[in-house]
Amino acid sequence: MTVTRTGPLPTGPEAEYDVVVVGAGVVGCAIARALARHPLRVALVEAAHDVGDGTSKANTAILHTGFDAAPGTLEARLVREGHRLLSAFAGEAGIPMEPLGALLVAWDEQQRAALPRLAQKAERNGHLTNRLLSAEELRSREPHLGPGALAALAVPGESVICPWTTTLAYATQAVRSGVDLHLGCRVEQVRTGDPRHRLVTRRGVLTTRHLVNACGLHADAFDALLDRRDFTVTPRRGQLLVFDKFARDLVRHILLPVPGPLGKGVLVSPTVYGNVMLGPTAEDLDDKTATGTTAEGLAGLREQGGRIVPALLDEEVTAVYAGLRAATGQEDYRCAAHPALRYVTVGGIRSTGLSASLALADHVLGLLADCGLEPGPERPLAPVHMPNLGEAFRRPYRDAELIAREPDFGVIVCHCERVTRGEIRAAYASEIPPAGPDGLRRRTRARGGRCQGNFCGAELRALSEEYGKGAR
């Protein structure tokens, strides 16, 4: 087990792998975890200095059932299977998840007429528990909805989940089970060969028999390194607003719009952290780094949110952010095996990668077998149980037994999110410690509340210097 962020990569036999997975987002980490079940030498390589630092950190944090995917597609099958697998894994690994269910709300006659078709589509995808609701039933379930809601389709099983903990749990379990993780390690060249490919990175050279492209927004650019040009990724920006915890009682379900041509549209949803989220927008761009928010985009979200839940606009906004999804012009995943290259592309995952991640990982193992990989017998993965970041479960500051054993878990540093000194210390002592303030927030929620670190920032910096000295 090796985790590196800086300095030259290992050389000699230590730099030779059976499989290298490039991209440590939620999908790449899930693939590395699946490979760790077998007696293989595996490396997970990431250009950023932390796992989950791209699309995986900035999404709507919903575990989808796949009820509205195009029937018969790879996405429909893998989201449905991924929902089952991740629901089970979340319970085992301590990932906060709340099965709130979703309501697709119709606001005009055209949308209401579409609801029976969506119910039939869900049935073709294997979801038989959906139910049409009248305006009266809808109002009883969501009393704070704005005027004009005509009907809804109730979708049990849709859940909110912590995307940060999910990605980190996959990566941690992979590392504990023998996968090498090389961060800050952008691949700049791939020199294909038989029996090994040479990956030239900014920190040195790795060699591998088999290669997996899980590069998300950059999957097309990585394909080009192997002279593959099967699709082009268009970054689709989604801007979101996060409302303060006082807004939480306004929303009981995930409130979805009737889907449009650019995706599921603007939703209102609780989060596992106790907030309410509004978004995302859907803007096709040219710039794969354009993760900034815009006044126009946020104003549009407020206008739509004011129609869905008017009282939401009276609440404080604690954060705004934007994420980029990997659109490819095809409403399905772009997963392909290239046996002659011993290479697998996992592209075009868009907004359902979190939900499908574990099923995608199993699918990729099959594609690698098509490329000649003989993984060997399965073995159990090292156990993992993640620190809880969810409000529906007991947080450390409320755990009297834990505080009695380790008093630092009773010393609150970030008062907005009730993050303790013990959690900060544990994050830096973990297998994959944070690389900076954003990584610490994804592991603990520190600086994620209404003051955004203005009150606790100085103390957090001091603790990061103290506890982070030994971080790899």
Protein backbone atom coordinates (compact mmCIF):
# COMPACT_ATOMS: atom_id res chain seq x y z
CA MET A 1 0.00 0.00 0.00
CA THR A 2 1.43 3.36 -1.09
CA VAL A 3 -0.11 6.84 -1.12
CA THR A 4 2.00 9.58 -2.68
CA ARG A 5 1.37 13.24 -3.52
CA THR A 6 4.78 14.71 -4.28
CA GLY A 7 8.27 13.68 -5.32
CA PRO A 8 9.39 11.12 -7.88
CA LEU A 9 7.32 8.00 -8.39
CA PRO A 10 8.70 4.60 -7.37
CA THR A 11 10.99 2.99 -9.94
CA GLY A 12 11.83 -0.54 -10.96
CA PRO A 13 9.41 -3.34 -10.04
CA GLU A 14 7.49 -0.93 -7.76
CA ALA A 15 6.42 1.04 -10.85
CA GLU A 16 5.10 -2.01 -12.74
CA TYR A 17 1.39 -2.75 -12.54
CA ASP A 18 -1.17 -5.16 -13.90
CA VAL A 19 -3.77 -2.38 -14.13
CA VAL A 20 -3.57 1.40 -13.84
CA VAL A 21 -6.79 3.35 -13.41
CA VAL A 22 -6.45 7.00 -14.40
CA GLY A 23 -8.87 9.33 -12.63
CA ALA A 24 -9.73 9.21 -8.92
CA GLY A 25 -13.28 10.47 -9.02
CA VAL A 26 -16.12 8.36 -7.67
CA VAL A 27 -16.04 6.03 -10.70
CA GLY A 28 -12.26 5.59 -10.82
CA CYS A 29 -12.12 4.93 -7.07
CA ALA A 30 -14.92 2.36 -7.38
CA ILE A 31 -13.02 0.59 -10.18
CA ALA A 32 -9.80 0.51 -8.14
CA ARG A 33 -11.76 -0.91 -5.20
CA ALA A 34 -13.25 -3.67 -7.40
CA LEU A 35 -9.81 -4.58 -8.75
CA ALA A 36 -8.47 -4.77 -5.18
CA ARG A 37 -10.57 -7.90 -4.67
CA HIS A 38 -8.11 -9.78 -6.85
CA PRO A 39 -4.38 -10.60 -6.55
CA LEU A 40 -3.33 -7.84 -8.94
CA ARG A 41 -0.86 -4.97 -8.75
CA VAL A 42 -3.10 -1.93 -9.20
CA ALA A 43 -2.43 1.80 -9.22
CA LEU A 44 -4.96 4.62 -9.08
CA VAL A 45 -3.50 7.78 -10.64
CA GLU A 46 -4.98 11.29 -10.31
CA ALA A 47 -3.87 14.68 -11.64
CA ALA A 48 -5.30 16.57 -8.65
CA HIS A 49 -3.85 16.36 -5.15
CA ASP A 50 -6.92 14.66 -3.68
CA VAL A 51 -9.50 12.07 -4.62
CA GLY A 52 -12.94 13.25 -5.71
CA ASP A 53 -11.65 16.70 -6.60
CA GLY A 54 -13.51 17.11 -9.92
CA THR A 55 -17.10 16.40 -10.87
CA SER A 56 -17.47 14.06 -7.89
CA LYS A 57 -17.19 16.87 -5.34
CA ALA A 58 -19.86 19.15 -6.84
CA ASN A 59 -23.07 17.36 -7.70
CA THR A 60 -26.63 17.08 -6.40
CA ALA A 61 -25.71 14.25 -4.00
CA ILE A 62 -28.69 12.09 -4.95
CA LEU A 63 -28.63 8.30 -5.12
CA HIS A 64 -30.91 7.69 -8.10
CA THR A 65 -33.00 4.60 -8.71
CA GLY A 66 -32.71 4.99 -12.47
CA PHE A 67 -36.49 5.17 -12.88
CA ASP A 68 -36.27 7.78 -15.64
CA ALA A 69 -33.26 6.46 -17.60
CA ALA A 70 -33.80 5.46 -21.21
CA PRO A 71 -34.99 1.82 -21.01
CA GLY A 72 -32.58 -0.71 -22.42
CA THR A 73 -29.52 1.49 -22.10
CA LEU A 74 -26.35 0.63 -20.24
CA GLU A 75 -27.03 3.58 -17.96
CA ALA A 76 -30.49 2.28 -17.02
CA ARG A 77 -29.12 -1.13 -16.07
CA LEU A 78 -26.09 0.13 -14.16
CA VAL A 79 -27.92 2.87 -12.24
CA ARG A 80 -30.57 0.36 -11.15
CA GLU A 81 -27.92 -2.14 -10.04
CA GLY A 82 -25.70 0.59 -8.61
CA HIS A 83 -28.54 1.90 -6.45
CA ARG A 84 -28.90 -1.55 -4.87
CA LEU A 85 -25.15 -2.00 -4.35
CA LEU A 86 -24.45 1.47 -2.98
CA SER A 87 -27.48 1.38 -0.66
CA ALA A 88 -26.04 -1.76 0.93
CA PHE A 89 -22.45 -0.48 0.98
CA ALA A 90 -23.50 2.80 2.59
CA GLY A 91 -24.87 0.90 5.57
CA GLU A 92 -21.72 -1.19 5.89
CA ALA A 93 -19.27 1.70 5.50
CA GLY A 94 -21.07 4.36 7.52
CA ILE A 95 -21.86 6.59 4.54
CA PRO A 96 -24.78 8.86 5.49
CA MET A 97 -27.79 8.17 3.27
CA GLU A 98 -31.46 9.07 3.71
CA PRO A 99 -34.13 7.37 1.55
CA LEU A 100 -36.53 10.32 1.35
CA GLY A 101 -38.20 9.44 -1.93
CA ALA A 102 -38.77 11.89 -4.77
CA LEU A 103 -41.77 13.74 -6.19
CA LEU A 104 -41.81 14.76 -9.86
CA VAL A 105 -44.01 17.83 -9.73
CA ALA A 106 -46.09 18.97 -12.71
CA TRP A 107 -46.70 22.72 -12.91
CA ASP A 108 -48.68 22.90 -16.16
CA GLU A 109 -50.99 20.71 -18.21
CA GLN A 110 -48.24 19.56 -20.56
CA GLN A 111 -46.16 18.34 -17.63
CA ARG A 112 -49.16 16.68 -16.00
CA ALA A 113 -49.88 14.83 -19.24
CA ALA A 114 -46.28 13.55 -19.23
CA LEU A 115 -46.53 11.94 -15.79
CA PRO A 116 -48.29 8.71 -16.89
CA ARG A 117 -45.66 8.24 -19.60
CA LEU A 118 -42.92 8.70 -17.01
CA ALA A 119 -44.64 6.14 -14.76
CA GLN A 120 -44.72 3.66 -17.65
CA LYS A 121 -41.06 4.38 -18.38
CA ALA A 122 -40.22 3.68 -14.74
CA GLU A 123 -42.08 0.37 -14.94
CA ARG A 124 -40.04 -0.62 -18.01
CA ASN A 125 -36.95 0.10 -15.92
CA GLY A 126 -38.18 -2.27 -13.21
CA HIS A 127 -39.54 0.33 -10.79
CA LEU A 128 -43.07 -0.78 -9.95
CA THR A 129 -43.76 1.23 -6.78
CA ASN A 130 -44.17 4.67 -8.39
CA ARG A 131 -47.58 6.28 -7.94
CA LEU A 132 -49.41 9.24 -9.42
CA LEU A 133 -50.55 11.82 -6.86
CA SER A 134 -53.35 14.33 -7.14
CA ALA A 135 -52.81 17.98 -6.26
CA GLU A 136 -54.42 17.36 -2.86
CA GLU A 137 -52.19 14.36 -2.06
CA LEU A 138 -49.15 16.30 -3.21
CA ARG A 139 -50.05 19.25 -0.98
CA SER A 140 -50.46 16.97 2.05
CA ARG A 141 -46.99 15.56 1.48
CA GLU A 142 -45.34 18.92 0.76
CA PRO A 143 -47.35 21.71 2.42
CA HIS A 144 -44.80 24.42 1.55
CA LEU A 145 -45.04 23.91 -2.22
CA GLY A 146 -45.84 27.02 -4.20
CA PRO A 147 -49.28 27.60 -5.76
CA GLY A 148 -50.04 25.97 -9.08
CA ALA A 149 -48.71 22.44 -8.56
CA LEU A 150 -51.16 20.20 -10.42
CA ALA A 151 -49.98 16.64 -9.75
CA ALA A 152 -46.90 14.55 -9.12
CA LEU A 153 -45.30 11.17 -9.62
CA ALA A 154 -44.07 9.71 -6.33
CA VAL A 155 -40.82 7.75 -6.66
CA PRO A 156 -39.91 5.75 -3.53
CA GLY A 157 -36.25 4.79 -3.21
CA GLU A 158 -34.64 8.01 -4.38
CA SER A 159 -32.19 9.00 -1.63
CA VAL A 160 -29.81 11.73 -0.59
CA ILE A 161 -26.26 10.64 0.20
CA CYS A 162 -22.85 12.11 1.03
CA PRO A 163 -20.84 12.10 -2.23
CA TRP A 164 -17.62 13.11 -0.48
CA THR A 165 -17.68 10.18 1.95
CA THR A 166 -18.63 7.74 -0.82
CA THR A 167 -15.62 8.56 -2.99
CA LEU A 168 -13.28 8.59 -0.01
CA ALA A 169 -14.67 5.27 1.26
CA TYR A 170 -13.97 3.59 -2.09
CA ALA A 171 -10.45 5.00 -2.23
CA THR A 172 -9.69 4.16 1.40
CA GLN A 173 -10.86 0.58 1.01
CA ALA A 174 -8.85 0.21 -2.19
CA VAL A 175 -5.70 1.54 -0.52
CA ARG A 176 -6.18 -0.65 2.56
CA SER A 177 -6.55 -3.62 0.23
CA GLY A 178 -3.25 -2.99 -1.56
CA VAL A 179 -3.89 -0.42 -4.30
CA ASP A 180 -1.22 2.26 -4.79
CA LEU A 181 -2.64 5.79 -5.00
CA HIS A 182 -0.56 8.43 -6.77
CA LEU A 183 -1.98 11.96 -6.48
CA GLY A 184 -0.69 15.10 -8.16
CA CYS A 185 0.31 12.78 -10.99
CA ARG A 186 -1.03 14.00 -14.34
CA VAL A 187 -0.47 11.57 -17.23
CA GLU A 188 1.03 13.50 -20.15
CA GLN A 189 1.91 10.68 -22.54
CA VAL A 190 0.95 7.06 -23.07
CA ARG A 191 3.46 4.99 -25.02
CA THR A 192 1.58 1.88 -25.98
CA GLY A 193 3.44 -1.39 -26.14
CA ASP A 194 3.31 -5.14 -25.72
CA PRO A 195 3.39 -6.45 -23.05
CA ARG A 196 3.38 -3.08 -21.23
CA HIS A 197 2.27 0.50 -21.75
CA ARG A 198 4.46 3.30 -20.42
CA LEU A 199 2.62 6.17 -18.73
CA VAL A 200 4.73 9.32 -18.65
CA THR A 201 3.60 11.57 -15.81
CA ARG A 202 4.87 14.78 -14.31
CA ARG A 203 6.41 12.74 -11.49
CA GLY A 204 7.93 9.85 -13.41
CA VAL A 205 7.02 6.78 -15.45
CA LEU A 206 4.68 3.91 -14.63
CA THR A 207 4.23 0.76 -16.69
CA THR A 208 1.10 -1.37 -16.90
CA ARG A 209 -0.31 -4.29 -18.82
CA HIS A 210 -3.87 -2.92 -18.76
CA LEU A 211 -5.16 0.63 -18.62
CA VAL A 212 -8.49 2.19 -17.60
CA ASN A 213 -9.56 5.70 -18.56
CA ALA A 214 -11.86 7.10 -15.83
CA CYS A 215 -10.93 10.72 -16.51
CA GLY A 216 -14.43 12.21 -16.47
CA LEU A 217 -14.38 15.59 -18.21
CA HIS A 218 -11.04 14.71 -19.78
CA ALA A 219 -11.91 11.20 -20.98
CA ASP A 220 -11.82 12.31 -24.63
CA ALA A 221 -8.42 13.96 -24.21
CA PHE A 222 -7.02 10.84 -22.55
CA ASP A 223 -8.46 8.66 -25.32
CA ALA A 224 -6.55 10.83 -27.79
CA LEU A 225 -3.28 9.86 -26.07
CA LEU A 226 -3.97 6.34 -27.36
CA ASP A 227 -5.14 7.65 -30.75
CA ARG A 228 -8.83 7.02 -29.95
CA ARG A 229 -11.33 9.72 -30.95
CA ASP A 230 -14.72 8.11 -30.46
CA PHE A 231 -16.51 11.02 -28.75
CA THR A 232 -16.06 14.59 -27.54
CA VAL A 233 -16.83 15.72 -23.99
CA THR A 234 -18.77 18.96 -23.64
CA PRO A 235 -18.66 20.34 -20.10
CA ARG A 236 -22.20 20.97 -18.86
CA ARG A 237 -22.14 23.39 -15.94
CA GLY A 238 -24.58 23.06 -13.08
CA GLN A 239 -24.78 25.94 -10.62
CA LEU A 240 -26.36 25.32 -7.22
CA LEU A 241 -27.50 27.26 -4.15
CA VAL A 242 -27.27 25.82 -0.63
CA PHE A 243 -29.68 27.20 1.98
CA ASP A 244 -29.11 27.30 5.71
CA LYS A 245 -30.28 24.57 8.06
CA PHE A 246 -33.30 26.61 9.16
CA ALA A 247 -34.74 25.85 5.70
CA ARG A 248 -34.70 22.09 6.26
CA ASP A 249 -38.27 21.83 7.56
CA LEU A 250 -39.61 23.35 4.35
CA VAL A 251 -38.88 20.25 2.26
CA ARG A 252 -39.69 16.61 3.02
CA HIS A 253 -38.82 14.91 -0.29
CA ILE A 254 -36.51 15.37 -3.24
CA LEU A 255 -38.59 17.66 -5.46
CA LEU A 256 -37.84 16.95 -9.12
CA PRO A 257 -39.11 18.71 -12.21
CA VAL A 258 -40.49 16.84 -15.17
CA PRO A 259 -37.26 16.11 -17.15
CA GLY A 260 -36.32 18.20 -20.16
CA PRO A 261 -33.88 17.68 -23.05
CA LEU A 262 -30.83 18.85 -21.02
CA GLY A 263 -31.44 16.59 -18.07
CA LYS A 264 -33.47 16.41 -14.90
CA GLY A 265 -33.63 20.19 -14.54
CA VAL A 266 -33.78 22.31 -11.40
CA LEU A 267 -34.63 20.43 -8.22
CA VAL A 268 -35.08 21.26 -4.57
CA SER A 269 -33.63 18.69 -2.22
CA PRO A 270 -32.60 18.23 1.38
CA THR A 271 -28.98 17.23 1.99
CA VAL A 272 -27.59 14.77 4.50
CA TYR A 273 -25.85 17.73 6.15
CA GLY A 274 -29.17 19.31 7.14
CA ASN A 275 -29.35 21.98 4.42
CA VAL A 276 -31.59 22.44 1.38
CA MET A 277 -30.13 22.52 -2.12
CA LEU A 278 -31.53 24.27 -5.18
CA GLY A 279 -30.24 23.57 -8.71
CA PRO A 280 -28.57 22.73 -10.95
CA THR A 281 -28.53 24.85 -14.06
CA ALA A 282 -27.58 23.14 -17.35
CA GLU A 283 -25.18 25.21 -19.46
CA ASP A 284 -23.09 23.64 -22.21
CA LEU A 285 -19.67 25.33 -22.31
CA ASP A 286 -16.31 25.05 -24.04
CA ASP A 287 -14.11 25.53 -20.96
CA LYS A 288 -13.53 22.42 -18.81
CA THR A 289 -12.31 24.60 -15.93
CA ALA A 290 -15.33 26.96 -15.81
CA THR A 291 -16.59 26.05 -12.34
CA GLY A 292 -17.44 29.61 -11.32
CA THR A 293 -20.98 30.75 -10.64
CA THR A 294 -22.67 33.62 -12.45
CA ALA A 295 -25.11 36.29 -11.28
CA GLU A 296 -27.45 35.34 -14.12
CA GLY A 297 -27.38 31.65 -13.25
CA LEU A 298 -28.00 32.20 -9.55
CA ALA A 299 -30.79 34.69 -10.22
CA GLY A 300 -32.48 32.14 -12.47
CA LEU A 301 -32.24 29.51 -9.75
CA ARG A 302 -33.82 31.84 -7.20
CA GLU A 303 -36.65 32.60 -9.60
CA GLN A 304 -37.38 28.91 -10.15
CA GLY A 305 -36.90 28.04 -6.48
CA GLY A 306 -39.34 30.77 -5.50
CA ARG A 307 -42.00 29.09 -7.58
CA ILE A 308 -41.33 25.60 -6.19
CA VAL A 309 -40.99 26.53 -2.48
CA PRO A 310 -41.60 30.29 -2.06
CA ALA A 311 -40.57 30.37 1.60
CA LEU A 312 -37.13 29.14 0.59
CA LEU A 313 -36.21 32.62 -0.62
CA ASP A 314 -36.67 33.97 2.93
CA GLU A 315 -33.84 31.72 4.17
CA GLU A 316 -30.11 32.42 4.27
CA VAL A 317 -27.90 31.11 1.46
CA THR A 318 -24.79 29.58 3.02
CA ALA A 319 -22.97 28.51 -0.15
CA VAL A 320 -23.03 28.63 -3.93
CA TYR A 321 -21.04 26.34 -6.18
CA ALA A 322 -20.90 24.88 -9.66
CA GLY A 323 -19.95 21.48 -11.04
CA LEU A 324 -19.28 20.28 -14.57
CA ARG A 325 -20.84 17.11 -16.01
CA ALA A 326 -19.32 15.20 -18.92
CA ALA A 327 -21.89 15.43 -21.72
CA THR A 328 -21.05 13.67 -24.98
CA GLY A 329 -24.14 14.19 -27.14
CA GLN A 330 -25.36 10.65 -26.44
CA GLU A 331 -27.81 9.87 -23.66
CA ASP A 332 -25.90 6.80 -22.54
CA TYR A 333 -22.52 5.93 -21.11
CA ARG A 334 -19.49 5.70 -23.40
CA CYS A 335 -17.91 2.54 -22.01
CA ALA A 336 -15.80 0.49 -24.40
CA ALA A 337 -13.13 -2.19 -24.38
CA HIS A 338 -10.22 -1.89 -26.82
CA PRO A 339 -8.69 -5.39 -26.70
CA ALA A 340 -5.83 -4.64 -29.10
CA LEU A 341 -4.66 -1.89 -26.72
CA ARG A 342 -5.59 -3.72 -23.48
CA TYR A 343 -7.44 -0.52 -22.69
CA VAL A 344 -10.92 0.40 -21.38
CA THR A 345 -12.64 3.77 -21.71
CA VAL A 346 -15.26 4.80 -19.15
CA GLY A 347 -16.69 8.06 -20.47
CA GLY A 348 -19.85 10.14 -20.73
CA ILE A 349 -21.04 9.26 -17.24
CA ARG A 350 -22.69 12.66 -16.71
CA SER A 351 -24.82 13.05 -13.58
CA THR A 352 -25.47 9.44 -12.57
CA GLY A 353 -21.90 8.31 -11.92
CA LEU A 354 -22.33 8.36 -8.15
CA SER A 355 -25.44 6.18 -8.33
CA ALA A 356 -23.98 3.72 -10.85
CA SER A 357 -20.41 3.69 -9.49
CA LEU A 358 -20.29 0.19 -7.97
CA ALA A 359 -22.13 -1.39 -10.90
CA LEU A 360 -19.88 0.49 -13.32
CA ALA A 361 -16.87 -0.97 -11.52
CA ASP A 362 -18.16 -4.51 -11.99
CA HIS A 363 -18.93 -3.74 -15.64
CA VAL A 364 -15.38 -2.50 -16.18
CA LEU A 365 -13.96 -5.72 -14.76
CA GLY A 366 -15.88 -7.52 -17.49
CA LEU A 367 -14.48 -5.17 -20.13
CA LEU A 368 -10.97 -5.77 -18.81
CA ALA A 369 -11.55 -9.51 -19.12
CA ASP A 370 -12.46 -8.86 -22.77
CA CYS A 371 -9.03 -7.22 -23.04
CA GLY A 372 -7.30 -10.33 -21.74
CA LEU A 373 -7.03 -9.55 -18.02
CA GLU A 374 -7.08 -12.66 -15.85
CA PRO A 375 -7.84 -11.24 -12.41
CA GLY A 376 -7.44 -14.41 -10.40
CA PRO A 377 -9.54 -15.53 -7.44
CA GLU A 378 -11.57 -13.09 -5.37
CA ARG A 379 -10.51 -12.18 -1.86
CA PRO A 380 -12.25 -10.08 0.81
CA LEU A 381 -11.60 -6.36 0.92
CA ALA A 382 -10.20 -4.73 4.03
CA PRO A 383 -13.08 -3.40 6.15
CA VAL A 384 -13.80 0.31 6.18
CA HIS A 385 -16.10 2.46 8.32
CA MET A 386 -16.11 6.17 7.61
CA PRO A 387 -16.59 9.11 9.97
CA ASN A 388 -20.22 10.22 9.93
CA LEU A 389 -20.99 13.60 8.36
CA GLY A 390 -24.79 13.23 8.32
CA GLU A 391 -27.27 14.98 10.59
CA ALA A 392 -29.63 11.99 10.73
CA PHE A 393 -26.97 9.96 12.54
CA ARG A 394 -24.96 10.56 15.70
CA ARG A 395 -22.15 13.04 15.18
CA PRO A 396 -19.01 12.94 17.40
CA TYR A 397 -19.93 16.06 19.40
CA ARG A 398 -23.06 14.20 20.60
CA ASP A 399 -21.31 10.90 21.39
CA ALA A 400 -20.73 10.89 25.17
CA GLU A 401 -18.90 7.55 25.17
CA LEU A 402 -16.50 8.66 22.45
CA ILE A 403 -15.83 11.98 24.21
CA ALA A 404 -15.17 10.16 27.49
CA ARG A 405 -12.49 8.09 25.74
CA GLU A 406 -11.09 10.90 23.59
CA PRO A 407 -11.94 14.39 24.92
CA ASP A 408 -10.86 16.11 21.68
CA PHE A 409 -14.13 14.88 20.11
CA GLY A 410 -15.96 17.12 22.57
CA VAL A 411 -14.00 20.26 21.63
CA ILE A 412 -15.89 22.05 18.85
CA VAL A 413 -13.73 24.04 16.43
CA CYS A 414 -16.19 24.81 13.61
CA HIS A 415 -19.35 25.91 15.43
CA CYS A 416 -21.53 26.31 12.32
CA GLU A 417 -21.11 22.63 11.41
CA ARG A 418 -20.15 21.38 14.92
CA VAL A 419 -16.85 19.88 13.81
CA THR A 420 -14.52 18.86 16.62
CA ARG A 421 -10.79 18.91 17.16
CA GLY A 422 -10.85 15.10 17.25
CA GLU A 423 -12.35 14.93 13.75
CA ILE A 424 -9.68 17.26 12.38
CA ARG A 425 -6.95 15.14 13.94
CA ALA A 426 -8.50 11.90 12.64
CA ALA A 427 -8.76 13.29 9.10
CA TYR A 428 -5.03 14.02 9.01
CA ALA A 429 -4.21 10.62 10.53
CA SER A 430 -6.23 8.74 7.88
CA GLU A 431 -4.80 6.75 4.96
CA ILE A 432 -5.66 9.58 2.54
CA PRO A 433 -5.29 12.83 4.51
CA PRO A 434 -6.65 16.12 3.15
CA ALA A 435 -4.42 18.08 0.79
CA GLY A 436 -5.83 21.47 1.80
CA PRO A 437 -8.83 23.30 3.30
CA ASP A 438 -11.29 21.99 0.70
CA GLY A 439 -10.19 18.42 1.30
CA LEU A 440 -10.60 18.93 5.05
CA ARG A 441 -14.14 20.26 4.47
CA ARG A 442 -15.05 17.18 2.45
CA ARG A 443 -13.82 14.94 5.27
CA THR A 444 -15.27 16.83 8.24
CA ARG A 445 -17.64 19.64 7.03
CA ALA A 446 -15.27 22.23 8.58
CA ARG A 447 -15.77 25.66 6.94
CA GLY A 448 -18.96 24.45 5.27
CA GLY A 449 -21.48 26.42 7.33
CA ARG A 450 -22.97 29.88 7.31
CA CYS A 451 -19.75 31.72 8.25
CA GLN A 452 -17.72 29.80 5.62
CA GLY A 453 -14.69 29.67 7.90
CA ASN A 454 -14.58 33.33 8.94
CA PHE A 455 -14.84 32.39 12.62
CA CYS A 456 -12.91 29.12 12.74
CA GLY A 457 -10.46 29.65 9.87
CA ALA A 458 -7.46 30.70 11.96
CA GLU A 459 -7.81 27.79 14.38
CA LEU A 460 -8.31 25.34 11.52
CA ARG A 461 -5.13 26.58 9.87
CA ALA A 462 -3.22 26.09 13.10
CA LEU A 463 -4.60 22.58 13.57
CA SER A 464 -3.86 21.72 9.96
CA GLU A 465 -0.25 22.76 10.45
CA GLU A 466 -0.05 20.74 13.66
CA TYR A 467 -1.77 17.55 12.51
CA GLY A 468 -0.84 17.76 8.84
CA LYS A 469 2.93 17.66 9.28
CA GLY A 470 3.02 13.93 8.80
CA ALA A 471 0.47 13.83 5.98
CA ARG A 472 1.83 11.91 3.00
